[in-house]
Structure formats: C-alpha cells, structure tokens
Amino acid sequence: MDMSSDDEQKTGAAGTSAFARIGAAMGRMRIMTGRRYIGRLAISRVGAGLELSHLDALSLVRRLGLEQEVTVGALAEQLRIDHSRASRIVADLVKRGVVRRAASQEDGRRTIVTLTKAGMHWLDQVNGVKEEVLSKVLCDWTEEEMATFADLYTRFIERLEAQAKDFDTGSAGK
C-alpha cells in the first residue's frame, strides 16, 4: 500500500525523526492558528459584534492582570501592534462595557485596563467554546494522556517563549 507524504506525517512513518514530526506538527498548528478557527467559532456563537482583536485583548487583560497592572502600552507590546491601534481596541471595549480604565494603584499618573463582569462573562463563554472544541478533539484520550500532553505542551511553550524573549532582547546565542 502506497502512503502519501501527508499520511506518513500523520502516522509517524518509520525513519521520520521526532524533530521532523514535531516541526511538521508545528507548521500545521501555525496554519490552524492563523485561520483562527476557535476564535471565529467563538465569535459566531457569542456574537455581540466581537472581533478577533477584541478576544485577543480581553484574553491578554485577564492573563497579564494576574501578574501585573495592564496598560494600553503593555497590550500593544504583547499584541505586537502600535499603541494607537491598542488604544482604539481598548476604547471600543470600554464602550461595550467589557473593560474599564482606572488609575494605577502603583502610579496614579498611569491608566490601567481591567475586566468588568461583562468582560469576564464574554471570556467565560469563549472558554466554553474552546473547551467544547478540545473535548471533541481529545474525546478518545485517557485522562493520563491528556495530563501528560498538558505537562509536555506547557513545558514546550514556556521554553519556546523564553527563547523568543531572548531573541527579542538580543540575548539569544550569548
């Protein structure tokens, strides 16, 4: 039986190194991420005139807010967009009542962005869609397989983020 190269990549054909299989999977994941499947699905379900940039900003406010005060500048930097674009996104989210601006507790001259209850509700709905997709994808995995994958994937992403940070700061390879 003659296998196509796509079938070989999916099945992990003999002779294909783990690095090559991981690289191929990363490429396929990049394409899926670029298509923004889960975000688009969430928007179609949650609606309310959301855009993908809104979801990105809301998710970032939640994640960054666990570690630091979130400013428009921090959002711009993390989203890799210019400050004026980030400011417009935040202004739109403020109008929608899902984030609010407040004075920083650390420096009263700075303005921070925080989630409102409505914003947390939107993110909960989006996370519900994400969980639904993941539950379908992982429906035949055991709890042990999911736990192992979660641990390994988290470790992989953390190390990849660290390398990207080193690259961005110019300290890679030093």
C-alpha atoms as a PDB file:
ATOM      1  CA  MET A   1       0.000   0.000   0.000  1.00  0.00           C
ATOM      2  CA  ASP A   2       1.476   3.332  -1.071  1.00  0.00           C
ATOM      3  CA  MET A   3       1.220   6.092   1.559  1.00  0.00           C
ATOM      4  CA  SER A   4       1.146   9.754   0.642  1.00  0.00           C
ATOM      5  CA  SER A   5       3.566  12.072   2.438  1.00  0.00           C
ATOM      6  CA  ASP A   6       0.629  13.539   4.401  1.00  0.00           C
ATOM      7  CA  ASP A   7      -0.299  10.060   5.629  1.00  0.00           C
ATOM      8  CA  GLU A   8       3.316   9.381   6.593  1.00  0.00           C
ATOM      9  CA  GLN A   9       3.466  12.576   8.651  1.00  0.00           C
ATOM     10  CA  LYS A  10       0.199  11.746  10.387  1.00  0.00           C
ATOM     11  CA  THR A  11       1.196   8.194  11.237  1.00  0.00           C
ATOM     12  CA  GLY A  12       4.812   8.908  12.182  1.00  0.00           C
ATOM     13  CA  ALA A  13       6.285   6.696   9.487  1.00  0.00           C
ATOM     14  CA  ALA A  14       9.457   4.813  10.322  1.00  0.00           C
ATOM     15  CA  GLY A  15      12.549   6.819   9.593  1.00  0.00           C
ATOM     16  CA  THR A  16      10.935  10.183  10.358  1.00  0.00           C
ATOM     17  CA  SER A  17      12.732  11.787  13.266  1.00  0.00           C
ATOM     18  CA  ALA A  18      10.828  13.127  16.238  1.00  0.00           C
ATOM     19  CA  PHE A  19      12.217  16.596  15.451  1.00  0.00           C
ATOM     20  CA  ALA A  20      10.843  16.410  11.906  1.00  0.00           C
ATOM     21  CA  ARG A  21       7.436  15.220  13.154  1.00  0.00           C
ATOM     22  CA  ILE A  22       7.304  17.987  15.771  1.00  0.00           C
ATOM     23  CA  GLY A  23       8.339  20.563  13.163  1.00  0.00           C
ATOM     24  CA  ALA A  24       5.644  19.359  10.772  1.00  0.00           C
ATOM     25  CA  ALA A  25       3.023  19.438  13.526  1.00  0.00           C
ATOM     26  CA  MET A  26       4.116  22.966  14.479  1.00  0.00           C
ATOM     27  CA  GLY A  27       3.659  24.061  10.872  1.00  0.00           C
ATOM     28  CA  ARG A  28       0.169  22.600  10.779  1.00  0.00           C
ATOM     29  CA  MET A  29      -0.650  24.235  14.134  1.00  0.00           C
ATOM     30  CA  ARG A  30       0.594  27.595  12.824  1.00  0.00           C
ATOM     31  CA  ILE A  31      -1.790  27.311   9.894  1.00  0.00           C
ATOM     32  CA  MET A  32      -4.696  26.425  12.207  1.00  0.00           C
ATOM     33  CA  THR A  33      -3.765  29.302  14.496  1.00  0.00           C
ATOM     34  CA  GLY A  34      -3.556  31.632  11.513  1.00  0.00           C
ATOM     35  CA  ARG A  35      -7.032  30.574  10.457  1.00  0.00           C
ATOM     36  CA  ARG A  36      -8.222  31.469  13.964  1.00  0.00           C
ATOM     37  CA  TYR A  37     -10.719  28.604  13.926  1.00  0.00           C
ATOM     38  CA  ILE A  38     -11.577  28.614  17.630  1.00  0.00           C
ATOM     39  CA  GLY A  39     -11.794  32.418  17.808  1.00  0.00           C
ATOM     40  CA  ARG A  40     -14.033  32.612  14.757  1.00  0.00           C
ATOM     41  CA  LEU A  41     -16.216  29.812  16.131  1.00  0.00           C
ATOM     42  CA  ALA A  42     -16.486  31.595  19.489  1.00  0.00           C
ATOM     43  CA  ILE A  43     -17.449  34.867  17.792  1.00  0.00           C
ATOM     44  CA  SER A  44     -20.118  33.079  15.753  1.00  0.00           C
ATOM     45  CA  ARG A  45     -21.569  31.672  18.986  1.00  0.00           C
ATOM     46  CA  VAL A  46     -21.048  34.571  21.408  1.00  0.00           C
ATOM     47  CA  GLY A  47     -21.687  37.261  18.804  1.00  0.00           C
ATOM     48  CA  ALA A  48     -22.224  40.741  20.204  1.00  0.00           C
ATOM     49  CA  GLY A  49     -20.183  42.291  17.378  1.00  0.00           C
ATOM     50  CA  LEU A  50     -16.928  40.864  18.666  1.00  0.00           C
ATOM     51  CA  GLU A  51     -13.787  40.891  16.559  1.00  0.00           C
ATOM     52  CA  LEU A  52     -10.745  38.665  16.874  1.00  0.00           C
ATOM     53  CA  SER A  53      -8.720  41.634  18.160  1.00  0.00           C
ATOM     54  CA  HIS A  54     -11.283  42.022  20.966  1.00  0.00           C
ATOM     55  CA  LEU A  55     -10.811  38.412  22.024  1.00  0.00           C
ATOM     56  CA  ASP A  56      -7.042  38.789  21.921  1.00  0.00           C
ATOM     57  CA  ALA A  57      -7.148  41.937  24.075  1.00  0.00           C
ATOM     58  CA  LEU A  58      -9.637  40.520  26.580  1.00  0.00           C
ATOM     59  CA  SER A  59      -7.635  37.311  26.979  1.00  0.00           C
ATOM     60  CA  LEU A  60      -4.475  39.322  27.464  1.00  0.00           C
ATOM     61  CA  VAL A  61      -6.049  41.618  30.067  1.00  0.00           C
ATOM     62  CA  ARG A  62      -7.086  38.536  32.015  1.00  0.00           C
ATOM     63  CA  ARG A  63      -3.715  36.752  31.698  1.00  0.00           C
ATOM     64  CA  LEU A  64      -1.452  39.769  32.260  1.00  0.00           C
ATOM     65  CA  GLY A  65      -3.698  41.049  35.031  1.00  0.00           C
ATOM     66  CA  LEU A  66      -2.784  38.029  37.129  1.00  0.00           C
ATOM     67  CA  GLU A  67       0.843  39.224  37.274  1.00  0.00           C
ATOM     68  CA  GLN A  68       0.831  42.992  36.733  1.00  0.00           C
ATOM     69  CA  GLU A  69      -1.215  46.081  36.112  1.00  0.00           C
ATOM     70  CA  VAL A  70      -2.263  46.115  32.461  1.00  0.00           C
ATOM     71  CA  THR A  71      -1.731  49.288  30.445  1.00  0.00           C
ATOM     72  CA  VAL A  72      -2.571  50.038  26.834  1.00  0.00           C
ATOM     73  CA  GLY A  73       1.185  50.028  26.187  1.00  0.00           C
ATOM     74  CA  ALA A  74       1.517  46.522  27.627  1.00  0.00           C
ATOM     75  CA  LEU A  75      -1.352  45.340  25.425  1.00  0.00           C
ATOM     76  CA  ALA A  76       0.238  46.924  22.357  1.00  0.00           C
ATOM     77  CA  GLU A  77       3.568  45.290  23.107  1.00  0.00           C
ATOM     78  CA  GLN A  78       2.105  41.831  23.725  1.00  0.00           C
ATOM     79  CA  LEU A  79      -0.212  42.008  20.705  1.00  0.00           C
ATOM     80  CA  ARG A  80       2.634  43.418  18.604  1.00  0.00           C
ATOM     81  CA  ILE A  81       0.543  46.321  17.372  1.00  0.00           C
ATOM     82  CA  ASP A  82       1.115  50.066  17.569  1.00  0.00           C
ATOM     83  CA  HIS A  83      -0.060  51.987  20.630  1.00  0.00           C
ATOM     84  CA  SER A  84      -2.775  53.867  18.732  1.00  0.00           C
ATOM     85  CA  ARG A  85      -4.339  50.609  17.490  1.00  0.00           C
ATOM     86  CA  ALA A  86      -4.296  49.165  21.006  1.00  0.00           C
ATOM     87  CA  SER A  87      -5.849  52.365  22.309  1.00  0.00           C
ATOM     88  CA  ARG A  88      -8.683  52.115  19.752  1.00  0.00           C
ATOM     89  CA  ILE A  89      -9.333  48.483  20.712  1.00  0.00           C
ATOM     90  CA  VAL A  90      -9.462  49.407  24.398  1.00  0.00           C
ATOM     91  CA  ALA A  91     -11.766  52.370  23.676  1.00  0.00           C
ATOM     92  CA  ASP A  92     -14.125  50.066  21.787  1.00  0.00           C
ATOM     93  CA  LEU A  93     -14.075  47.523  24.618  1.00  0.00           C
ATOM     94  CA  VAL A  94     -14.787  50.292  27.142  1.00  0.00           C
ATOM     95  CA  LYS A  95     -17.819  51.373  25.053  1.00  0.00           C
ATOM     96  CA  ARG A  96     -19.028  47.780  25.084  1.00  0.00           C
ATOM     97  CA  GLY A  97     -18.673  47.674  28.866  1.00  0.00           C
ATOM     98  CA  VAL A  98     -16.275  44.737  28.957  1.00  0.00           C
ATOM     99  CA  VAL A  99     -13.199  46.596  30.237  1.00  0.00           C
ATOM    100  CA  ARG A 100     -12.757  49.771  32.239  1.00  0.00           C
ATOM    101  CA  ARG A 101      -9.949  52.219  32.640  1.00  0.00           C
ATOM    102  CA  ALA A 102      -8.777  53.003  36.142  1.00  0.00           C
ATOM    103  CA  ALA A 103      -5.938  54.823  37.863  1.00  0.00           C
ATOM    104  CA  SER A 104      -2.952  52.669  38.711  1.00  0.00           C
ATOM    105  CA  GLN A 105      -2.540  51.841  42.383  1.00  0.00           C
ATOM    106  CA  GLU A 106       1.234  51.874  41.831  1.00  0.00           C
ATOM    107  CA  ASP A 107       1.422  55.185  39.956  1.00  0.00           C
ATOM    108  CA  GLY A 108      -1.655  57.414  39.865  1.00  0.00           C
ATOM    109  CA  ARG A 109      -0.454  59.033  36.625  1.00  0.00           C
ATOM    110  CA  ARG A 110      -0.809  55.748  34.756  1.00  0.00           C
ATOM    111  CA  THR A 111      -4.068  54.345  33.455  1.00  0.00           C
ATOM    112  CA  ILE A 112      -4.675  50.639  33.662  1.00  0.00           C
ATOM    113  CA  VAL A 113      -7.212  48.406  31.953  1.00  0.00           C
ATOM    114  CA  THR A 114      -9.269  45.870  33.899  1.00  0.00           C
ATOM    115  CA  LEU A 115     -12.042  43.452  33.018  1.00  0.00           C
ATOM    116  CA  THR A 116     -15.628  44.131  34.040  1.00  0.00           C
ATOM    117  CA  LYS A 117     -18.103  41.396  34.978  1.00  0.00           C
ATOM    118  CA  ALA A 118     -19.405  41.546  31.402  1.00  0.00           C
ATOM    119  CA  GLY A 119     -15.851  41.058  30.104  1.00  0.00           C
ATOM    120  CA  MET A 120     -15.317  38.074  32.374  1.00  0.00           C
ATOM    121  CA  HIS A 121     -18.646  36.663  31.145  1.00  0.00           C
ATOM    122  CA  TRP A 122     -17.565  37.039  27.489  1.00  0.00           C
ATOM    123  CA  LEU A 123     -14.286  35.271  28.217  1.00  0.00           C
ATOM    124  CA  ASP A 124     -16.120  32.507  30.073  1.00  0.00           C
ATOM    125  CA  GLN A 125     -18.324  31.984  27.015  1.00  0.00           C
ATOM    126  CA  VAL A 126     -15.295  31.925  24.712  1.00  0.00           C
ATOM    127  CA  ASN A 127     -13.550  29.452  27.021  1.00  0.00           C
ATOM    128  CA  GLY A 128     -16.685  27.300  26.907  1.00  0.00           C
ATOM    129  CA  VAL A 129     -16.397  27.124  23.121  1.00  0.00           C
ATOM    130  CA  LYS A 130     -12.681  26.327  23.428  1.00  0.00           C
ATOM    131  CA  GLU A 131     -13.414  23.544  25.914  1.00  0.00           C
ATOM    132  CA  GLU A 132     -16.093  22.147  23.598  1.00  0.00           C
ATOM    133  CA  VAL A 133     -13.631  22.026  20.684  1.00  0.00           C
ATOM    134  CA  LEU A 134     -10.913  20.451  22.825  1.00  0.00           C
ATOM    135  CA  SER A 135     -13.303  17.876  24.262  1.00  0.00           C
ATOM    136  CA  LYS A 136     -14.188  16.779  20.707  1.00  0.00           C
ATOM    137  CA  VAL A 137     -10.531  16.655  19.659  1.00  0.00           C
ATOM    138  CA  LEU A 138      -9.468  14.751  22.776  1.00  0.00           C
ATOM    139  CA  CYS A 139     -12.566  12.560  23.138  1.00  0.00           C
ATOM    140  CA  ASP A 140     -10.628   9.305  22.816  1.00  0.00           C
ATOM    141  CA  TRP A 141      -7.664  10.309  25.011  1.00  0.00           C
ATOM    142  CA  THR A 142      -7.327   8.934  28.515  1.00  0.00           C
ATOM    143  CA  GLU A 143      -7.036  11.283  31.487  1.00  0.00           C
ATOM    144  CA  GLU A 144      -3.396  10.216  31.798  1.00  0.00           C
ATOM    145  CA  GLU A 145      -2.676  11.030  28.132  1.00  0.00           C
ATOM    146  CA  MET A 146      -4.300  14.457  28.492  1.00  0.00           C
ATOM    147  CA  ALA A 147      -2.358  15.210  31.673  1.00  0.00           C
ATOM    148  CA  THR A 148       0.924  14.141  30.062  1.00  0.00           C
ATOM    149  CA  PHE A 149       0.218  16.194  26.939  1.00  0.00           C
ATOM    150  CA  ALA A 150      -0.734  19.233  29.053  1.00  0.00           C
ATOM    151  CA  ASP A 151       2.508  18.986  31.036  1.00  0.00           C
ATOM    152  CA  LEU A 152       4.712  18.487  27.967  1.00  0.00           C
ATOM    153  CA  TYR A 153       2.961  21.111  25.833  1.00  0.00           C
ATOM    154  CA  THR A 154       3.119  23.672  28.650  1.00  0.00           C
ATOM    155  CA  ARG A 155       6.823  22.986  29.151  1.00  0.00           C
ATOM    156  CA  PHE A 156       7.402  23.254  25.382  1.00  0.00           C
ATOM    157  CA  ILE A 157       5.557  26.594  25.095  1.00  0.00           C
ATOM    158  CA  GLU A 158       7.313  28.048  28.160  1.00  0.00           C
ATOM    159  CA  ARG A 159      10.722  27.212  26.695  1.00  0.00           C
ATOM    160  CA  LEU A 160       9.736  28.500  23.275  1.00  0.00           C
ATOM    161  CA  GLU A 161       8.515  31.754  24.865  1.00  0.00           C
ATOM    162  CA  ALA A 162      11.806  32.079  26.755  1.00  0.00           C
ATOM    163  CA  GLN A 163      13.797  31.645  23.538  1.00  0.00           C
ATOM    164  CA  ALA A 164      11.587  34.187  21.756  1.00  0.00           C
ATOM    165  CA  LYS A 165      12.110  36.649  24.604  1.00  0.00           C
ATOM    166  CA  ASP A 166      15.879  36.137  24.399  1.00  0.00           C
ATOM    167  CA  PHE A 167      15.735  36.682  20.641  1.00  0.00           C
ATOM    168  CA  ASP A 168      13.612  39.836  21.031  1.00  0.00           C
ATOM    169  CA  THR A 169      16.011  41.289  23.604  1.00  0.00           C
ATOM    170  CA  GLY A 170      19.057  40.381  21.528  1.00  0.00           C
ATOM    171  CA  SER A 171      20.474  37.945  24.078  1.00  0.00           C
ATOM    172  CA  ALA A 172      19.892  34.788  22.032  1.00  0.00           C
ATOM    173  CA  GLY A 173      23.021  32.751  21.491  1.00  0.00           C
ATOM    174  CA  LYS A 174      25.070  34.705  24.020  1.00  0.00           C
END
